[in-house]
Every structure is written in C-alpha cells, then in structure tokens.
C-alpha cells in the first residue's frame, strides 16, 4: 500500500471553539491510495480493493509527537476518518481517494497532518 497526498493546504485559518465559528481547512486534504500486488499496481476495474478507512491526526511541525491526545482539549474539528471512493482523476485514470472536506484546527500554530490507513 502507498498513500499519496494529491491536495494539501499550506496554511489555513483557525477555527473557533463555537459551532458557528468553524472554518474548514481549504483546500481540503485529498489522499490517494495505491495498492500493489507483487510490486505491480492492481487494476481497479478488475479487482476489488480491501475495506479500509483513513484517519487524520494533528502532529507537531517536526512530526515528533501527536498534539490531539487526551486529556487535552480537542484541537481538530470535523470528521477525522474517511472512507475510500473510486473516482477518475483529471486524466480519466481510476484511483482510490479519501477526502477530508470538513476538518478544521482550533489553535493557531504550525502543524503537520498525519494520515494513517486502517485495513478492516
């Protein structure tokens, strides 16, 4: 398996703590999943891909530690897990994609988003 970030923000506005003050990260992170069998990419039109989810979490800028762990105040808002969608890209190639259109960050700082794939 290989994850490739297809779209990612370089910076975003902070979300507030109220529901009316939510600001999703824009552009929304989009991650593509590549699946290989014997070091060759699988053909999505012929094979079924495994059940999986992708989880996003907030990490320090140097990627040394997670920032959104209990008992801290939840630093991220929105849906932090995504389901895969088989879609065509701008070149009409099929791919497995995860999108996170409603996640936001509540505290102003420099962060890194980490994506973890879970095969069910």
PDB file of N, CA and C in Angstrom:
ATOM      1  N   UNK A   1       0.841  -1.187   0.000  1.00  0.00           N
ATOM      2  CA  UNK A   1       0.000   0.000   0.000  1.00  0.00           C
ATOM      3  C   UNK A   1       0.880   1.243   0.000  1.00  0.00           C
ATOM      4  N   UNK A   2       0.413   2.277  -0.669  1.00  0.00           N
ATOM      5  CA  UNK A   2       1.130   3.546  -0.690  1.00  0.00           C
ATOM      6  C   UNK A   2       0.101   4.674  -0.671  1.00  0.00           C
ATOM      7  N   UNK A   3       0.313   5.652   0.209  1.00  0.00           N
ATOM      8  CA  UNK A   3      -0.541   6.837   0.271  1.00  0.00           C
ATOM      9  C   UNK A   3       0.174   7.998  -0.405  1.00  0.00           C
ATOM     10  N   UNK A   4      -0.553   8.709  -1.262  1.00  0.00           N
ATOM     11  CA  UNK A   4      -0.002   9.870  -1.952  1.00  0.00           C
ATOM     12  C   UNK A   4      -0.939  11.042  -1.700  1.00  0.00           C
ATOM     13  N   UNK A   5      -0.393  12.125  -1.162  1.00  0.00           N
ATOM     14  CA  UNK A   5      -1.205  13.319  -0.921  1.00  0.00           C
ATOM     15  C   UNK A   5      -1.365  14.041  -2.255  1.00  0.00           C
ATOM     16  N   UNK A   6      -2.610  14.131  -2.726  1.00  0.00           N
ATOM     17  CA  UNK A   6      -2.888  14.754  -4.020  1.00  0.00           C
ATOM     18  C   UNK A   6      -3.192  16.242  -3.875  1.00  0.00           C
ATOM     19  N   UNK A   7      -3.738  16.641  -2.733  1.00  0.00           N
ATOM     20  CA  UNK A   7      -4.020  18.058  -2.492  1.00  0.00           C
ATOM     21  C   UNK A   7      -3.858  18.314  -1.006  1.00  0.00           C
ATOM     22  N   UNK A   8      -3.135  19.390  -0.689  1.00  0.00           N
ATOM     23  CA  UNK A   8      -2.921  19.715   0.716  1.00  0.00           C
ATOM     24  C   UNK A   8      -2.802  21.223   0.891  1.00  0.00           C
ATOM     25  N   UNK A   9      -3.241  21.706   2.028  1.00  0.00           N
ATOM     26  CA  UNK A   9      -3.118  23.138   2.300  1.00  0.00           C
ATOM     27  C   UNK A   9      -1.702  23.469   2.779  1.00  0.00           C
ATOM     28  N   UNK A  10      -1.271  24.667   2.486  1.00  0.00           N
ATOM     29  CA  UNK A  10      -0.001  25.148   3.024  1.00  0.00           C
ATOM     30  C   UNK A  10      -0.238  25.940   4.306  1.00  0.00           C
ATOM     31  N   UNK A  11      -1.407  26.570   4.383  1.00  0.00           N
ATOM     32  CA  UNK A  11      -1.811  27.300   5.578  1.00  0.00           C
ATOM     33  C   UNK A  11      -3.328  27.401   5.584  1.00  0.00           C
ATOM     34  N   UNK A  12      -3.885  27.672   6.753  1.00  0.00           N
ATOM     35  CA  UNK A  12      -5.339  27.808   6.851  1.00  0.00           C
ATOM     36  C   UNK A  12      -5.673  28.724   8.017  1.00  0.00           C
ATOM     37  N   UNK A  13      -6.918  29.157   8.059  1.00  0.00           N
ATOM     38  CA  UNK A  13      -7.392  29.986   9.166  1.00  0.00           C
ATOM     39  C   UNK A  13      -7.826  29.101  10.311  1.00  0.00           C
ATOM     40  N   UNK A  14      -7.627  29.578  11.499  1.00  0.00           N
ATOM     41  CA  UNK A  14      -8.001  28.853  12.703  1.00  0.00           C
ATOM     42  C   UNK A  14      -9.516  28.832  12.866  1.00  0.00           C
ATOM     43  N   UNK A  15     -10.039  27.683  13.282  1.00  0.00           N
ATOM     44  CA  UNK A  15     -11.457  27.577  13.648  1.00  0.00           C
ATOM     45  C   UNK A  15     -11.611  28.028  15.084  1.00  0.00           C
ATOM     46  N   UNK A  16     -12.760  28.586  15.394  1.00  0.00           N
ATOM     47  CA  UNK A  16     -13.026  28.946  16.776  1.00  0.00           C
ATOM     48  C   UNK A  16     -13.559  27.766  17.556  1.00  0.00           C
ATOM     49  N   UNK A  17     -13.965  28.010  18.784  1.00  0.00           N
ATOM     50  CA  UNK A  17     -14.460  26.933  19.635  1.00  0.00           C
ATOM     51  C   UNK A  17     -15.972  26.792  19.571  1.00  0.00           C
ATOM     52  N   UNK A  18     -16.654  27.749  18.978  1.00  0.00           N
ATOM     53  CA  UNK A  18     -18.099  27.651  18.814  1.00  0.00           C
ATOM     54  C   UNK A  18     -18.456  26.985  17.497  1.00  0.00           C
ATOM     55  N   UNK A  19     -19.645  26.406  17.450  1.00  0.00           N
ATOM     56  CA  UNK A  19     -20.090  25.715  16.236  1.00  0.00           C
ATOM     57  C   UNK A  19     -20.250  26.682  15.060  1.00  0.00           C
ATOM     58  N   UNK A  20     -20.608  27.930  15.337  1.00  0.00           N
ATOM     59  CA  UNK A  20     -20.788  28.913  14.270  1.00  0.00           C
ATOM     60  C   UNK A  20     -19.461  29.451  13.745  1.00  0.00           C
ATOM     61  N   UNK A  21     -18.381  29.192  14.458  1.00  0.00           N
ATOM     62  CA  UNK A  21     -17.073  29.724  14.086  1.00  0.00           C
ATOM     63  C   UNK A  21     -16.181  28.659  13.446  1.00  0.00           C
ATOM     64  N   UNK A  22     -16.780  27.625  12.870  1.00  0.00           N
ATOM     65  CA  UNK A  22     -15.996  26.567  12.220  1.00  0.00           C
ATOM     66  C   UNK A  22     -15.489  27.040  10.867  1.00  0.00           C
ATOM     67  N   UNK A  23     -14.218  26.828  10.627  1.00  0.00           N
ATOM     68  CA  UNK A  23     -13.610  27.132   9.335  1.00  0.00           C
ATOM     69  C   UNK A  23     -12.863  25.890   8.863  1.00  0.00           C
ATOM     70  N   UNK A  24     -13.389  25.199   7.864  1.00  0.00           N
ATOM     71  CA  UNK A  24     -12.679  24.009   7.392  1.00  0.00           C
ATOM     72  C   UNK A  24     -11.382  24.380   6.676  1.00  0.00           C
ATOM     73  N   UNK A  25     -10.438  23.470   6.730  1.00  0.00           N
ATOM     74  CA  UNK A  25      -9.179  23.643   6.011  1.00  0.00           C
ATOM     75  C   UNK A  25      -9.489  23.702   4.515  1.00  0.00           C
ATOM     76  N   UNK A  26      -8.904  24.691   3.836  1.00  0.00           N
ATOM     77  CA  UNK A  26      -9.170  24.876   2.409  1.00  0.00           C
ATOM     78  C   UNK A  26      -7.851  25.138   1.688  1.00  0.00           C
ATOM     79  N   UNK A  27      -7.469  24.357   0.702  1.00  0.00           N
ATOM     80  CA  UNK A  27      -8.239  23.266   0.115  1.00  0.00           C
ATOM     81  C   UNK A  27      -8.257  22.049   1.030  1.00  0.00           C
ATOM     82  N   UNK A  28      -9.305  21.267   0.899  1.00  0.00           N
ATOM     83  CA  UNK A  28      -9.452  20.061   1.711  1.00  0.00           C
ATOM     84  C   UNK A  28      -8.363  19.058   1.342  1.00  0.00           C
ATOM     85  N   UNK A  29      -7.766  18.407   2.349  1.00  0.00           N
ATOM     86  CA  UNK A  29      -6.777  17.373   2.037  1.00  0.00           C
ATOM     87  C   UNK A  29      -7.417  16.223   1.253  1.00  0.00           C
ATOM     88  N   UNK A  30      -6.742  15.796   0.194  1.00  0.00           N
ATOM     89  CA  UNK A  30      -7.169  14.644  -0.601  1.00  0.00           C
ATOM     90  C   UNK A  30      -5.982  13.700  -0.703  1.00  0.00           C
ATOM     91  N   UNK A  31      -6.212  12.436  -0.340  1.00  0.00           N
ATOM     92  CA  UNK A  31      -5.156  11.428  -0.320  1.00  0.00           C
ATOM     93  C   UNK A  31      -5.559  10.285  -1.243  1.00  0.00           C
ATOM     94  N   UNK A  32      -4.613   9.832  -2.060  1.00  0.00           N
ATOM     95  CA  UNK A  32      -4.865   8.704  -2.961  1.00  0.00           C
ATOM     96  C   UNK A  32      -4.168   7.465  -2.416  1.00  0.00           C
ATOM     97  N   UNK A  33      -4.869   6.342  -2.483  1.00  0.00           N
ATOM     98  CA  UNK A  33      -4.324   5.055  -2.053  1.00  0.00           C
ATOM     99  C   UNK A  33      -3.941   4.248  -3.287  1.00  0.00           C
ATOM    100  N   UNK A  34      -2.687   3.805  -3.324  1.00  0.00           N
ATOM    101  CA  UNK A  34      -2.218   2.895  -4.369  1.00  0.00           C
ATOM    102  C   UNK A  34      -2.051   1.521  -3.730  1.00  0.00           C
ATOM    103  N   UNK A  35      -2.567   0.495  -4.392  1.00  0.00           N
ATOM    104  CA  UNK A  35      -2.455  -0.874  -3.892  1.00  0.00           C
ATOM    105  C   UNK A  35      -1.645  -1.677  -4.896  1.00  0.00           C
ATOM    106  N   UNK A  36      -0.663  -2.418  -4.380  1.00  0.00           N
ATOM    107  CA  UNK A  36       0.214  -3.206  -5.228  1.00  0.00           C
ATOM    108  C   UNK A  36       0.076  -4.686  -4.897  1.00  0.00           C
ATOM    109  N   UNK A  37       0.183  -5.510  -5.928  1.00  0.00           N
ATOM    110  CA  UNK A  37       0.215  -6.963  -5.777  1.00  0.00           C
ATOM    111  C   UNK A  37       1.441  -7.443  -6.544  1.00  0.00           C
ATOM    112  N   UNK A  38       2.379  -8.071  -5.840  1.00  0.00           N
ATOM    113  CA  UNK A  38       3.658  -8.478  -6.447  1.00  0.00           C
ATOM    114  C   UNK A  38       4.365  -7.287  -7.087  1.00  0.00           C
ATOM    115  N   UNK A  39       4.381  -6.160  -6.387  1.00  0.00           N
ATOM    116  CA  UNK A  39       5.028  -4.914  -6.823  1.00  0.00           C
ATOM    117  C   UNK A  39       4.426  -4.312  -8.090  1.00  0.00           C
ATOM    118  N   UNK A  40       3.221  -4.733  -8.461  1.00  0.00           N
ATOM    119  CA  UNK A  40       2.521  -4.160  -9.610  1.00  0.00           C
ATOM    120  C   UNK A  40       1.212  -3.559  -9.121  1.00  0.00           C
ATOM    121  N   UNK A  41       0.833  -2.375  -9.637  1.00  0.00           N
ATOM    122  CA  UNK A  41      -0.448  -1.790  -9.206  1.00  0.00           C
ATOM    123  C   UNK A  41      -1.614  -2.676  -9.634  1.00  0.00           C
ATOM    124  N   UNK A  42      -2.605  -2.792  -8.741  1.00  0.00           N
ATOM    125  CA  UNK A  42      -3.777  -3.598  -9.091  1.00  0.00           C
ATOM    126  C   UNK A  42      -4.652  -2.822 -10.070  1.00  0.00           C
ATOM    127  N   UNK A  43      -5.398  -3.546 -10.872  1.00  0.00           N
ATOM    128  CA  UNK A  43      -6.343  -2.949 -11.815  1.00  0.00           C
ATOM    129  C   UNK A  43      -7.674  -2.795 -11.096  1.00  0.00           C
ATOM    130  N   UNK A  44      -8.082  -1.554 -10.843  1.00  0.00           N
ATOM    131  CA  UNK A  44      -9.300  -1.295 -10.075  1.00  0.00           C
ATOM    132  C   UNK A  44     -10.561  -1.717 -10.811  1.00  0.00           C
ATOM    133  N   UNK A  45     -10.490  -1.855 -12.118  1.00  0.00           N
ATOM    134  CA  UNK A  45     -11.660  -2.302 -12.870  1.00  0.00           C
ATOM    135  C   UNK A  45     -11.846  -3.811 -12.777  1.00  0.00           C
ATOM    136  N   UNK A  46     -10.781  -4.535 -12.431  1.00  0.00           N
ATOM    137  CA  UNK A  46     -10.855  -5.992 -12.384  1.00  0.00           C
ATOM    138  C   UNK A  46     -10.849  -6.552 -10.966  1.00  0.00           C
ATOM    139  N   UNK A  47     -10.261  -5.839 -10.026  1.00  0.00           N
ATOM    140  CA  UNK A  47     -10.130  -6.355  -8.669  1.00  0.00           C
ATOM    141  C   UNK A  47     -10.865  -5.469  -7.682  1.00  0.00           C
ATOM    142  N   UNK A  48     -11.264  -6.094  -6.591  1.00  0.00           N
ATOM    143  CA  UNK A  48     -11.919  -5.357  -5.521  1.00  0.00           C
ATOM    144  C   UNK A  48     -10.855  -4.943  -4.508  1.00  0.00           C
ATOM    145  N   UNK A  49     -10.924  -3.719  -4.061  1.00  0.00           N
ATOM    146  CA  UNK A  49      -9.957  -3.248  -3.076  1.00  0.00           C
ATOM    147  C   UNK A  49     -10.433  -3.615  -1.673  1.00  0.00           C
ATOM    148  N   UNK A  50      -9.524  -3.692  -0.690  1.00  0.00           N
ATOM    149  CA  UNK A  50      -9.914  -4.093   0.662  1.00  0.00           C
ATOM    150  C   UNK A  50     -10.721  -3.005   1.372  1.00  0.00           C
ATOM    151  N   UNK A  51     -11.514  -3.431   2.360  1.00  0.00           N
ATOM    152  CA  UNK A  51     -12.227  -2.470   3.198  1.00  0.00           C
ATOM    153  C   UNK A  51     -11.200  -1.730   4.046  1.00  0.00           C
ATOM    154  N   UNK A  52     -11.274  -0.415   4.023  1.00  0.00           N
ATOM    155  CA  UNK A  52     -10.290   0.366   4.756  1.00  0.00           C
ATOM    156  C   UNK A  52     -10.866   1.735   5.097  1.00  0.00           C
ATOM    157  N   UNK A  53     -10.208   2.395   6.037  1.00  0.00           N
ATOM    158  CA  UNK A  53     -10.509   3.783   6.374  1.00  0.00           C
ATOM    159  C   UNK A  53      -9.184   4.520   6.513  1.00  0.00           C
ATOM    160  N   UNK A  54      -9.240   5.829   6.426  1.00  0.00           N
ATOM    161  CA  UNK A  54      -8.060   6.659   6.616  1.00  0.00           C
ATOM    162  C   UNK A  54      -8.368   7.634   7.745  1.00  0.00           C
ATOM    163  N   UNK A  55      -7.456   7.731   8.702  1.00  0.00           N
ATOM    164  CA  UNK A  55      -7.632   8.610   9.861  1.00  0.00           C
ATOM    165  C   UNK A  55      -6.608   9.736   9.783  1.00  0.00           C
ATOM    166  N   UNK A  56      -7.048  10.956  10.063  1.00  0.00           N
ATOM    167  CA  UNK A  56      -6.144  12.099  10.082  1.00  0.00           C
ATOM    168  C   UNK A  56      -5.975  12.566  11.523  1.00  0.00           C
ATOM    169  N   UNK A  57      -4.747  12.927  11.872  1.00  0.00           N
ATOM    170  CA  UNK A  57      -4.463  13.440  13.214  1.00  0.00           C
ATOM    171  C   UNK A  57      -3.492  14.611  13.103  1.00  0.00           C
ATOM    172  N   UNK A  58      -3.437  15.387  14.161  1.00  0.00           N
ATOM    173  CA  UNK A  58      -2.632  16.606  14.206  1.00  0.00           C
ATOM    174  C   UNK A  58      -1.322  16.312  14.927  1.00  0.00           C
ATOM    175  N   UNK A  59      -0.207  16.647  14.285  1.00  0.00           N
ATOM    176  CA  UNK A  59       1.117  16.389  14.850  1.00  0.00           C
ATOM    177  C   UNK A  59       1.923  17.679  14.872  1.00  0.00           C
ATOM    178  N   UNK A  60       2.977  17.674  15.692  1.00  0.00           N
ATOM    179  CA  UNK A  60       3.862  18.833  15.767  1.00  0.00           C
ATOM    180  C   UNK A  60       4.535  19.051  14.414  1.00  0.00           C
ATOM    181  N   UNK A  61       5.039  20.253  14.211  1.00  0.00           N
ATOM    182  CA  UNK A  61       5.667  20.601  12.933  1.00  0.00           C
ATOM    183  C   UNK A  61       6.831  19.666  12.598  1.00  0.00           C
ATOM    184  N   UNK A  62       7.584  19.244  13.617  1.00  0.00           N
ATOM    185  CA  UNK A  62       8.720  18.344  13.379  1.00  0.00           C
ATOM    186  C   UNK A  62       8.319  16.867  13.368  1.00  0.00           C
ATOM    187  N   UNK A  63       7.017  16.593  13.473  1.00  0.00           N
ATOM    188  CA  UNK A  63       6.443  15.240  13.403  1.00  0.00           C
ATOM    189  C   UNK A  63       6.897  14.333  14.544  1.00  0.00           C
ATOM    190  N   UNK A  64       7.296  14.925  15.676  1.00  0.00           N
ATOM    191  CA  UNK A  64       7.805  14.122  16.789  1.00  0.00           C
ATOM    192  C   UNK A  64       6.722  13.648  17.749  1.00  0.00           C
ATOM    193  N   UNK A  65       5.594  14.359  17.830  1.00  0.00           N
ATOM    194  CA  UNK A  65       4.550  13.935  18.767  1.00  0.00           C
ATOM    195  C   UNK A  65       3.167  14.420  18.311  1.00  0.00           C
ATOM    196  N   UNK A  66       2.169  13.628  18.705  1.00  0.00           N
ATOM    197  CA  UNK A  66       0.784  13.952  18.371  1.00  0.00           C
ATOM    198  C   UNK A  66       0.283  15.045  19.299  1.00  0.00           C
ATOM    199  N   UNK A  67      -0.502  15.967  18.763  1.00  0.00           N
ATOM    200  CA  UNK A  67      -0.966  17.109  19.547  1.00  0.00           C
ATOM    201  C   UNK A  67      -2.410  17.002  20.001  1.00  0.00           C
ATOM    202  N   UNK A  68      -3.142  16.067  19.480  1.00  0.00           N
ATOM    203  CA  UNK A  68      -4.574  15.987  19.767  1.00  0.00           C
ATOM    204  C   UNK A  68      -4.887  14.776  20.635  1.00  0.00           C
ATOM    205  N   UNK A  69      -4.129  14.589  21.714  1.00  0.00           N
ATOM    206  CA  UNK A  69      -4.333  13.421  22.565  1.00  0.00           C
ATOM    207  C   UNK A  69      -5.012  13.818  23.868  1.00  0.00           C
ATOM    208  N   UNK A  70      -5.833  12.927  24.457  1.00  0.00           N
ATOM    209  CA  UNK A  70      -6.474  13.215  25.742  1.00  0.00           C
ATOM    210  C   UNK A  70      -5.421  13.414  26.810  1.00  0.00           C
ATOM    211  N   UNK A  71      -5.671  14.160  27.863  1.00  0.00           N
ATOM    212  CA  UNK A  71      -6.907  14.845  28.212  1.00  0.00           C
ATOM    213  C   UNK A  71      -6.970  16.270  27.679  1.00  0.00           C
ATOM    214  N   UNK A  72      -6.200  16.575  26.669  1.00  0.00           N
ATOM    215  CA  UNK A  72      -6.206  17.926  26.082  1.00  0.00           C
ATOM    216  C   UNK A  72      -7.555  18.249  25.452  1.00  0.00           C
ATOM    217  N   UNK A  73      -7.772  19.512  25.246  1.00  0.00           N
ATOM    218  CA  UNK A  73      -8.938  19.969  24.504  1.00  0.00           C
ATOM    219  C   UNK A  73      -8.781  19.518  23.057  1.00  0.00           C
ATOM    220  N   UNK A  74      -9.836  19.049  22.457  1.00  0.00           N
ATOM    221  CA  UNK A  74      -9.763  18.562  21.085  1.00  0.00           C
ATOM    222  C   UNK A  74      -9.355  19.702  20.151  1.00  0.00           C
ATOM    223  N   UNK A  75      -8.206  19.555  19.514  1.00  0.00           N
ATOM    224  CA  UNK A  75      -7.645  20.605  18.661  1.00  0.00           C
ATOM    225  C   UNK A  75      -8.216  20.616  17.257  1.00  0.00           C
ATOM    226  N   UNK A  76      -8.788  19.487  16.839  1.00  0.00           N
ATOM    227  CA  UNK A  76      -9.336  19.392  15.484  1.00  0.00           C
ATOM    228  C   UNK A  76     -10.848  19.258  15.534  1.00  0.00           C
ATOM    229  N   UNK A  77     -11.505  19.781  14.506  1.00  0.00           N
ATOM    230  CA  UNK A  77     -12.952  19.637  14.380  1.00  0.00           C
ATOM    231  C   UNK A  77     -13.258  18.897  13.086  1.00  0.00           C
ATOM    232  N   UNK A  78     -14.469  18.401  12.980  1.00  0.00           N
ATOM    233  CA  UNK A  78     -14.900  17.742  11.759  1.00  0.00           C
ATOM    234  C   UNK A  78     -14.735  16.235  11.815  1.00  0.00           C
ATOM    235  N   UNK A  79     -14.923  15.603  10.681  1.00  0.00           N
ATOM    236  CA  UNK A  79     -14.835  14.153  10.567  1.00  0.00           C
ATOM    237  C   UNK A  79     -13.390  13.763  10.307  1.00  0.00           C
ATOM    238  N   UNK A  80     -12.786  13.048  11.270  1.00  0.00           N
ATOM    239  CA  UNK A  80     -11.364  12.733  11.206  1.00  0.00           C
ATOM    240  C   UNK A  80     -11.069  11.393  10.541  1.00  0.00           C
ATOM    241  N   UNK A  81     -12.106  10.668  10.127  1.00  0.00           N
ATOM    242  CA  UNK A  81     -11.907   9.420   9.391  1.00  0.00           C
ATOM    243  C   UNK A  81     -12.628   9.529   8.055  1.00  0.00           C
ATOM    244  N   UNK A  82     -12.053   8.904   7.058  1.00  0.00           N
ATOM    245  CA  UNK A  82     -12.649   8.948   5.729  1.00  0.00           C
ATOM    246  C   UNK A  82     -12.758   7.572   5.120  1.00  0.00           C
ATOM    247  N   UNK A  83     -13.778   7.387   4.315  1.00  0.00           N
ATOM    248  CA  UNK A  83     -13.978   6.147   3.571  1.00  0.00           C
ATOM    249  C   UNK A  83     -13.440   6.327   2.156  1.00  0.00           C
ATOM    250  N   UNK A  84     -13.026   5.229   1.533  1.00  0.00           N
ATOM    251  CA  UNK A  84     -12.470   5.343   0.178  1.00  0.00           C
ATOM    252  C   UNK A  84     -13.552   5.496  -0.887  1.00  0.00           C
ATOM    253  N   UNK A  85     -13.215   6.228  -1.927  1.00  0.00           N
ATOM    254  CA  UNK A  85     -14.076   6.385  -3.100  1.00  0.00           C
ATOM    255  C   UNK A  85     -13.247   6.082  -4.342  1.00  0.00           C
ATOM    256  N   UNK A  86     -13.788   5.272  -5.226  1.00  0.00           N
ATOM    257  CA  UNK A  86     -13.127   5.018  -6.507  1.00  0.00           C
ATOM    258  C   UNK A  86     -13.623   6.077  -7.486  1.00  0.00           C
ATOM    259  N   UNK A  87     -12.703   6.932  -7.922  1.00  0.00           N
ATOM    260  CA  UNK A  87     -13.033   8.069  -8.787  1.00  0.00           C
ATOM    261  C   UNK A  87     -12.027   8.160  -9.929  1.00  0.00           C
ATOM    262  N   UNK A  88     -12.346   8.946 -10.917  1.00  0.00           N
ATOM    263  CA  UNK A  88     -11.409   9.215 -12.013  1.00  0.00           C
ATOM    264  C   UNK A  88     -10.739  10.570 -11.773  1.00  0.00           C
ATOM    265  N   UNK A  89      -9.436  10.631 -12.053  1.00  0.00           N
ATOM    266  CA  UNK A  89      -8.716  11.890 -11.898  1.00  0.00           C
ATOM    267  C   UNK A  89      -8.852  12.730 -13.168  1.00  0.00           C
ATOM    268  N   UNK A  90      -8.101  13.819 -13.248  1.00  0.00           N
ATOM    269  CA  UNK A  90      -8.203  14.726 -14.390  1.00  0.00           C
ATOM    270  C   UNK A  90      -7.712  14.094 -15.692  1.00  0.00           C
ATOM    271  N   UNK A  91      -7.023  12.943 -15.597  1.00  0.00           N
ATOM    272  CA  UNK A  91      -6.552  12.223 -16.782  1.00  0.00           C
ATOM    273  C   UNK A  91      -7.404  10.988 -17.065  1.00  0.00           C
ATOM    274  N   UNK A  92      -8.582  10.918 -16.420  1.00  0.00           N
ATOM    275  CA  UNK A  92      -9.535   9.808 -16.588  1.00  0.00           C
ATOM    276  C   UNK A  92      -9.003   8.470 -16.078  1.00  0.00           C
ATOM    277  N   UNK A  93      -8.016   8.499 -15.176  1.00  0.00           N
ATOM    278  CA  UNK A  93      -7.485   7.280 -14.580  1.00  0.00           C
ATOM    279  C   UNK A  93      -8.234   6.985 -13.286  1.00  0.00           C
ATOM    280  N   UNK A  94      -8.633   5.719 -13.102  1.00  0.00           N
ATOM    281  CA  UNK A  94      -9.307   5.328 -11.864  1.00  0.00           C
ATOM    282  C   UNK A  94      -8.325   5.347 -10.703  1.00  0.00           C
ATOM    283  N   UNK A  95      -8.812   5.754  -9.548  1.00  0.00           N
ATOM    284  CA  UNK A  95      -7.994   5.760  -8.348  1.00  0.00           C
ATOM    285  C   UNK A  95      -8.870   5.657  -7.115  1.00  0.00           C
ATOM    286  N   UNK A  96      -8.246   5.301  -6.000  1.00  0.00           N
ATOM    287  CA  UNK A  96      -8.936   5.233  -4.709  1.00  0.00           C
ATOM    288  C   UNK A  96      -8.566   6.499  -3.950  1.00  0.00           C
ATOM    289  N   UNK A  97      -9.575   7.286  -3.574  1.00  0.00           N
ATOM    290  CA  UNK A  97      -9.331   8.585  -2.955  1.00  0.00           C
ATOM    291  C   UNK A  97     -10.064   8.722  -1.624  1.00  0.00           C
ATOM    292  N   UNK A  98      -9.440   9.482  -0.726  1.00  0.00           N
ATOM    293  CA  UNK A  98     -10.031   9.873   0.550  1.00  0.00           C
ATOM    294  C   UNK A  98     -10.036  11.398   0.578  1.00  0.00           C
ATOM    295  N   UNK A  99     -11.136  11.987   1.023  1.00  0.00           N
ATOM    296  CA  UNK A  99     -11.244  13.438   1.110  1.00  0.00           C
ATOM    297  C   UNK A  99     -11.674  13.828   2.523  1.00  0.00           C
ATOM    298  N   UNK A 100     -11.151  14.938   3.002  1.00  0.00           N
ATOM    299  CA  UNK A 100     -11.477  15.441   4.342  1.00  0.00           C
ATOM    300  C   UNK A 100     -11.956  16.890   4.228  1.00  0.00           C
ATOM    301  N   UNK A 101     -13.185  17.093   3.727  1.00  0.00           N
ATOM    302  CA  UNK A 101     -13.653  18.443   3.423  1.00  0.00           C
ATOM    303  C   UNK A 101     -14.070  19.290   4.616  1.00  0.00           C
ATOM    304  N   UNK A 102     -14.254  18.685   5.789  1.00  0.00           N
ATOM    305  CA  UNK A 102     -14.780  19.489   6.899  1.00  0.00           C
ATOM    306  C   UNK A 102     -13.872  19.539   8.121  1.00  0.00           C
ATOM    307  N   UNK A 103     -12.600  19.137   7.995  1.00  0.00           N
ATOM    308  CA  UNK A 103     -11.732  19.215   9.170  1.00  0.00           C
ATOM    309  C   UNK A 103     -11.227  20.643   9.349  1.00  0.00           C
ATOM    310  N   UNK A 104     -11.043  21.010  10.598  1.00  0.00           N
ATOM    311  CA  UNK A 104     -10.537  22.324  10.946  1.00  0.00           C
ATOM    312  C   UNK A 104      -9.619  22.214  12.147  1.00  0.00           C
ATOM    313  N   UNK A 105      -8.829  23.249  12.387  1.00  0.00           N
ATOM    314  CA  UNK A 105      -7.897  23.294  13.511  1.00  0.00           C
ATOM    315  C   UNK A 105      -8.285  24.470  14.388  1.00  0.00           C
ATOM    316  N   UNK A 106      -8.344  24.238  15.706  1.00  0.00           N
ATOM    317  CA  UNK A 106      -8.847  25.262  16.630  1.00  0.00           C
ATOM    318  C   UNK A 106      -7.783  26.191  17.206  1.00  0.00           C
ATOM    319  N   UNK A 107      -6.525  25.810  17.153  1.00  0.00           N
ATOM    320  CA  UNK A 107      -5.476  26.598  17.794  1.00  0.00           C
ATOM    321  C   UNK A 107      -4.480  27.060  16.731  1.00  0.00           C
ATOM    322  N   UNK A 108      -4.144  28.354  16.745  1.00  0.00           N
ATOM    323  CA  UNK A 108      -3.203  28.901  15.767  1.00  0.00           C
ATOM    324  C   UNK A 108      -1.781  28.459  16.104  1.00  0.00           C
ATOM    325  N   UNK A 109      -1.143  27.793  15.160  1.00  0.00           N
ATOM    326  CA  UNK A 109       0.217  27.304  15.328  1.00  0.00           C
ATOM    327  C   UNK A 109       0.627  26.634  14.019  1.00  0.00           C
ATOM    328  N   UNK A 110       1.863  26.191  13.911  1.00  0.00           N
ATOM    329  CA  UNK A 110       2.305  25.430  12.748  1.00  0.00           C
ATOM    330  C   UNK A 110       2.200  23.951  13.069  1.00  0.00           C
ATOM    331  N   UNK A 111       1.513  23.205  12.205  1.00  0.00           N
ATOM    332  CA  UNK A 111       1.239  21.794  12.440  1.00  0.00           C
ATOM    333  C   UNK A 111       1.594  20.965  11.223  1.00  0.00           C
ATOM    334  N   UNK A 112       1.438  19.667  11.401  1.00  0.00           N
ATOM    335  CA  UNK A 112       1.551  18.694  10.328  1.00  0.00           C
ATOM    336  C   UNK A 112       0.354  17.753  10.445  1.00  0.00           C
ATOM    337  N   UNK A 113      -0.270  17.411   9.325  1.00  0.00           N
ATOM    338  CA  UNK A 113      -1.348  16.424   9.337  1.00  0.00           C
ATOM    339  C   UNK A 113      -0.748  15.055   9.039  1.00  0.00           C
ATOM    340  N   UNK A 114      -1.163  14.065   9.814  1.00  0.00           N
ATOM    341  CA  UNK A 114      -0.694  12.692   9.596  1.00  0.00           C
ATOM    342  C   UNK A 114      -1.895  11.839   9.204  1.00  0.00           C
ATOM    343  N   UNK A 115      -1.712  11.002   8.193  1.00  0.00           N
ATOM    344  CA  UNK A 115      -2.767  10.124   7.707  1.00  0.00           C
ATOM    345  C   UNK A 115      -2.365   8.679   7.966  1.00  0.00           C
ATOM    346  N   UNK A 116      -3.248   7.936   8.654  1.00  0.00           N
ATOM    347  CA  UNK A 116      -2.996   6.530   8.967  1.00  0.00           C
ATOM    348  C   UNK A 116      -4.059   5.670   8.302  1.00  0.00           C
ATOM    349  N   UNK A 117      -3.616   4.679   7.535  1.00  0.00           N
ATOM    350  CA  UNK A 117      -4.507   3.758   6.845  1.00  0.00           C
ATOM    351  C   UNK A 117      -4.800   2.574   7.751  1.00  0.00           C
ATOM    352  N   UNK A 118      -6.084   2.226   7.872  1.00  0.00           N
ATOM    353  CA  UNK A 118      -6.510   1.069   8.661  1.00  0.00           C
ATOM    354  C   UNK A 118      -7.239   0.122   7.715  1.00  0.00           C
ATOM    355  N   UNK A 119      -6.705  -1.095   7.568  1.00  0.00           N
ATOM    356  CA  UNK A 119      -7.349  -2.119   6.748  1.00  0.00           C
ATOM    357  C   UNK A 119      -8.257  -2.915   7.668  1.00  0.00           C
ATOM    358  N   UNK A 120      -9.533  -3.014   7.318  1.00  0.00           N
ATOM    359  CA  UNK A 120     -10.511  -3.700   8.161  1.00  0.00           C
ATOM    360  C   UNK A 120     -10.630  -5.163   7.794  1.00  0.00           C
TER     361      UNK A 120
END
